[in-house]
Amino acid sequence: MSREYKGVSRLGRRKKPLLVLFIIIVPILLPNATAHELMDFSMMLKDDGPVPANIGAGIIFEGDGVFFRHVANNSTTITVAVDNNDDGKYDIQSNNLSRECELDNEGNKTDPACEVTFRVDFTIGDAGNYSFLVNSSTGESWVGSFVISIDTHVDPGSPIGYSNEQNDGGEDGEIGGGDDLDFLRQSIGNLLLLLGIFCILFVVVGLVDSEETRNDESKLEANQEEE
């Protein structure tokens, strides 16, 4: 009775380090799951148009913002309109943007309607292709585009199911679900590897404990014979 309890107790003590090792290794083997840092992407509105005019996939992600800033000639005003549902109509419209706003002695704008920048925020679910229209008081206008990519919390990639034709020299490019599939395969492979290592360690510890138990029994029998 005492021999059985001793063997089980020893085996239990040896299993605890394996459990701790398992918990430590799991986060290391799993793919990086850190979300990207939210940021604002600045679009400069110059005399000869927006810079950059077209932004491809993998640059701006869900949760980020696009920041349009007037940096053209002081005498011009600029408006920005964004098509937010790809229907060909510009749904979001800025106020007139100026190079700078006149301030009073207290630092407040003398014209409350004066704006220098125009910001558009994108939340989860807003991934897709967007176009925008820039109109200048000089009579000139420019059309640009940008892609909001899905934030998959892994290595940045193109949004699934969206084309990037505006940024590929006019060639159509259908973006598939390769990134998600690779992520799933990597996760399964790492988990199988981890389980294999854990099983090997468990078997080795079990064999060592069995050998120690047999040695203890042999010593106990030898002591009993001497008595």
Protein backbone atom coordinates (compact mmCIF):
# COMPACT_ATOMS: atom_id res chain seq x y z
CA MET A 1 0.00 0.00 0.00
CA SER A 2 2.79 2.41 0.92
CA ARG A 3 4.83 1.46 -2.15
CA GLU A 4 1.91 2.28 -4.47
CA TYR A 5 1.33 5.65 -2.82
CA LYS A 6 5.00 6.53 -3.07
CA GLY A 7 5.14 5.72 -6.78
CA VAL A 8 2.00 7.67 -7.59
CA SER A 9 3.21 10.64 -5.56
CA ARG A 10 6.52 10.71 -7.42
CA LEU A 11 4.80 10.46 -10.79
CA GLY A 12 2.47 13.32 -9.88
CA ARG A 13 5.42 15.51 -8.91
CA ARG A 14 7.08 14.83 -12.26
CA LYS A 15 3.95 15.66 -14.23
CA LYS A 16 3.71 19.16 -12.77
CA PRO A 17 6.86 20.47 -14.53
CA LEU A 18 5.52 19.03 -17.80
CA LEU A 19 2.30 20.98 -17.36
CA VAL A 20 4.24 24.18 -16.67
CA LEU A 21 6.41 23.54 -19.75
CA PHE A 22 3.29 22.97 -21.86
CA ILE A 23 1.79 26.30 -20.75
CA ILE A 24 5.04 28.16 -21.51
CA ILE A 25 5.57 26.65 -24.98
CA VAL A 26 2.02 27.12 -26.31
CA PRO A 27 2.24 30.93 -26.83
CA ILE A 28 5.69 30.56 -28.40
CA LEU A 29 4.61 28.06 -31.05
CA LEU A 30 1.35 29.76 -31.96
CA PRO A 31 1.51 32.40 -34.75
CA ASN A 32 1.95 36.01 -33.74
CA ALA A 33 -1.46 37.33 -32.63
CA THR A 34 -0.54 40.90 -31.82
CA ALA A 35 -2.89 43.50 -33.28
CA HIS A 36 -1.32 46.27 -35.31
CA GLU A 37 -0.93 49.70 -33.74
CA LEU A 38 -3.74 52.02 -34.80
CA MET A 39 -2.49 54.96 -36.85
CA ASP A 40 -3.49 57.87 -39.09
CA PHE A 41 -2.35 57.86 -42.71
CA SER A 42 -1.66 61.38 -43.97
CA MET A 43 -2.64 62.42 -47.49
CA MET A 44 -1.06 65.72 -48.57
CA LEU A 45 -3.27 67.92 -50.79
CA LYS A 46 -0.78 69.83 -52.95
CA ASP A 47 -1.10 72.24 -55.88
CA ASP A 48 -0.73 69.38 -58.37
CA GLY A 49 -3.03 66.95 -56.56
CA PRO A 50 -3.05 64.54 -53.61
CA VAL A 51 0.14 62.76 -52.56
CA PRO A 52 0.01 59.81 -52.59
CA ALA A 53 -2.92 59.54 -54.96
CA ASN A 54 -3.32 55.77 -54.71
CA ILE A 55 -2.61 53.54 -51.71
CA GLY A 56 -2.49 49.77 -52.12
CA ALA A 57 -3.39 46.96 -49.75
CA GLY A 58 -1.47 46.25 -46.57
CA ILE A 59 -0.87 49.92 -45.66
CA ILE A 60 -4.11 51.08 -44.01
CA PHE A 61 -6.12 48.70 -41.82
CA GLU A 62 -9.49 48.58 -40.13
CA GLY A 63 -9.40 50.93 -37.15
CA ASP A 64 -7.01 53.35 -38.85
CA GLY A 65 -7.85 56.80 -40.17
CA VAL A 66 -7.08 58.69 -43.38
CA PHE A 67 -6.00 62.28 -42.74
CA PHE A 68 -6.29 64.76 -45.64
CA ARG A 69 -4.22 67.94 -45.12
CA HIS A 70 -4.24 71.13 -47.22
CA VAL A 71 -0.63 72.05 -48.09
CA ALA A 72 -1.30 73.83 -51.42
CA ASN A 73 -1.10 77.54 -52.23
CA ASN A 74 -2.53 79.84 -49.56
CA SER A 75 -5.07 81.37 -51.92
CA THR A 76 -6.79 78.10 -52.83
CA THR A 77 -9.49 76.18 -51.04
CA ILE A 78 -9.94 72.45 -51.43
CA THR A 79 -12.77 70.01 -50.78
CA VAL A 80 -12.52 66.24 -50.41
CA ALA A 81 -15.30 63.71 -51.05
CA VAL A 82 -15.07 59.97 -50.31
CA ASP A 83 -17.14 57.13 -51.78
CA ASN A 84 -17.55 54.86 -48.75
CA ASN A 85 -19.63 52.06 -50.31
CA ASP A 86 -18.17 51.69 -53.82
CA ASP A 87 -21.39 52.77 -55.53
CA GLY A 88 -19.80 55.55 -57.56
CA LYS A 89 -21.35 58.27 -55.40
CA TYR A 90 -19.31 60.37 -53.00
CA ASP A 91 -21.03 60.00 -49.64
CA ILE A 92 -18.66 61.83 -47.27
CA GLN A 93 -17.92 65.49 -47.98
CA SER A 94 -15.45 67.81 -46.26
CA ASN A 95 -15.88 71.51 -45.64
CA ASN A 96 -13.71 73.94 -47.57
CA LEU A 97 -10.11 73.32 -46.52
CA SER A 98 -7.60 76.16 -46.31
CA ARG A 99 -3.81 76.19 -46.00
CA GLU A 100 -4.13 77.90 -42.62
CA CYS A 101 -6.76 79.49 -40.41
CA GLU A 102 -6.43 82.99 -38.99
CA LEU A 103 -6.21 83.02 -35.19
CA ASP A 104 -7.02 85.73 -32.68
CA ASN A 105 -4.82 86.77 -29.74
CA GLU A 106 -6.10 83.84 -27.67
CA GLY A 107 -5.27 81.28 -30.34
CA ASN A 108 -8.87 80.69 -31.42
CA LYS A 109 -9.96 80.63 -35.05
CA THR A 110 -11.52 83.89 -36.18
CA ASP A 111 -13.65 81.87 -38.61
CA PRO A 112 -15.07 78.79 -36.83
CA ALA A 113 -15.86 77.18 -40.21
CA CYS A 114 -12.22 77.32 -41.32
CA GLU A 115 -10.62 73.88 -41.58
CA VAL A 116 -7.13 72.75 -42.56
CA THR A 117 -7.59 68.99 -42.34
CA PHE A 118 -10.27 66.39 -43.02
CA ARG A 119 -10.22 63.02 -41.29
CA VAL A 120 -12.09 59.81 -42.15
CA ASP A 121 -12.05 56.93 -39.64
CA PHE A 122 -12.54 53.26 -40.48
CA THR A 123 -13.77 50.63 -38.04
CA ILE A 124 -13.91 46.83 -38.06
CA GLY A 125 -15.92 45.70 -41.07
CA ASP A 126 -14.94 48.68 -43.26
CA ALA A 127 -12.33 46.78 -45.29
CA GLY A 128 -12.54 47.37 -49.03
CA ASN A 129 -11.60 49.63 -51.92
CA TYR A 130 -12.38 53.36 -51.59
CA SER A 131 -12.18 56.22 -54.08
CA PHE A 132 -12.01 59.92 -53.32
CA LEU A 133 -12.40 63.16 -55.25
CA VAL A 134 -10.35 66.31 -54.60
CA ASN A 135 -11.68 69.61 -55.96
CA SER A 136 -9.62 72.81 -55.93
CA SER A 137 -10.91 76.37 -56.17
CA THR A 138 -8.62 76.71 -59.21
CA GLY A 139 -11.05 74.48 -61.12
CA GLU A 140 -8.80 71.45 -61.10
CA SER A 141 -9.88 68.09 -59.69
CA TRP A 142 -8.23 64.74 -59.02
CA VAL A 143 -9.48 61.24 -58.31
CA GLY A 144 -7.58 58.88 -56.03
CA SER A 145 -8.09 55.57 -54.26
CA PHE A 146 -7.00 53.63 -51.22
CA VAL A 147 -7.55 50.14 -49.79
CA ILE A 148 -8.59 49.44 -46.22
CA SER A 149 -7.21 45.99 -45.37
CA ILE A 150 -8.67 43.49 -42.93
CA ASP A 151 -6.89 43.50 -39.58
CA THR A 152 -6.20 39.77 -39.18
CA HIS A 153 -3.77 40.32 -36.25
CA VAL A 154 -1.05 38.50 -38.11
CA ASP A 155 1.44 39.56 -40.75
CA PRO A 156 -0.21 42.33 -42.83
CA GLY A 157 -1.73 41.17 -46.11
CA SER A 158 -4.29 42.14 -48.66
CA PRO A 159 -7.96 42.05 -47.71
CA ILE A 160 -9.73 38.85 -48.66
CA GLY A 161 -12.00 39.07 -51.69
CA TYR A 162 -11.01 42.58 -52.75
CA SER A 163 -9.20 43.51 -55.95
CA ASN A 164 -6.31 45.91 -56.10
CA GLU A 165 -6.63 46.91 -59.74
CA GLN A 166 -6.01 50.61 -59.10
CA ASN A 167 -2.51 49.87 -57.83
CA ASP A 168 -1.40 47.05 -60.15
CA GLY A 169 -0.92 49.00 -63.35
CA GLY A 170 -4.49 48.37 -64.51
CA GLU A 171 -4.26 44.55 -64.24
CA ASP A 172 -7.03 42.77 -62.38
CA GLY A 173 -5.90 40.99 -59.25
CA GLU A 174 -8.34 38.94 -57.22
CA ILE A 175 -7.18 38.53 -53.66
CA GLY A 176 -8.03 35.11 -52.21
CA GLY A 177 -8.07 33.67 -48.71
CA GLY A 178 -4.47 32.46 -48.76
CA ASP A 179 -3.38 34.37 -45.65
CA ASP A 180 -6.11 32.89 -43.47
CA LEU A 181 -5.49 29.37 -44.82
CA ASP A 182 -1.75 29.62 -44.15
CA PHE A 183 -2.47 30.89 -40.64
CA LEU A 184 -4.76 27.90 -39.97
CA ARG A 185 -2.24 25.40 -41.32
CA GLN A 186 0.56 26.92 -39.25
CA SER A 187 -1.57 26.82 -36.11
CA ILE A 188 -2.53 23.17 -36.61
CA GLY A 189 1.05 22.18 -37.42
CA ASN A 190 2.43 23.90 -34.33
CA LEU A 191 -0.21 22.35 -32.08
CA LEU A 192 0.53 18.86 -33.44
CA LEU A 193 4.24 19.45 -32.91
CA LEU A 194 3.59 20.59 -29.35
CA LEU A 195 1.41 17.56 -28.59
CA GLY A 196 4.09 15.26 -30.01
CA ILE A 197 6.78 16.79 -27.81
CA PHE A 198 4.52 16.59 -24.76
CA CYS A 199 3.71 12.91 -25.40
CA ILE A 200 7.39 12.04 -25.81
CA LEU A 201 8.28 13.78 -22.53
CA PHE A 202 5.37 12.08 -20.78
CA VAL A 203 6.51 8.63 -21.98
CA VAL A 204 10.13 9.30 -20.98
CA VAL A 205 9.11 10.45 -17.49
CA GLY A 206 6.84 7.41 -17.16
CA LEU A 207 9.67 5.05 -18.08
CA VAL A 208 12.01 6.73 -15.59
CA ASP A 209 9.40 6.48 -12.84
CA SER A 210 8.77 2.81 -13.64
CA GLU A 211 12.48 2.06 -13.41
CA GLU A 212 12.78 3.92 -10.10
CA THR A 213 9.73 2.08 -8.75
CA ARG A 214 11.25 -1.30 -9.66
CA ASN A 215 14.51 -0.31 -7.99
CA ASP A 216 12.65 0.75 -4.84
CA GLU A 217 10.77 -2.56 -4.77
CA SER A 218 14.00 -4.50 -5.22
CA LYS A 219 15.63 -2.62 -2.34
CA LEU A 220 12.59 -3.17 -0.15
CA GLU A 221 12.56 -6.92 -0.86
CA ALA A 222 16.29 -7.11 -0.16
CA ASN A 223 15.81 -5.33 3.17
CA GLN A 224 12.96 -7.68 4.09
CA GLU A 225 15.12 -10.73 3.31
CA GLU A 226 17.92 -9.36 5.49
CA GLU A 227 15.47 -8.89 8.35
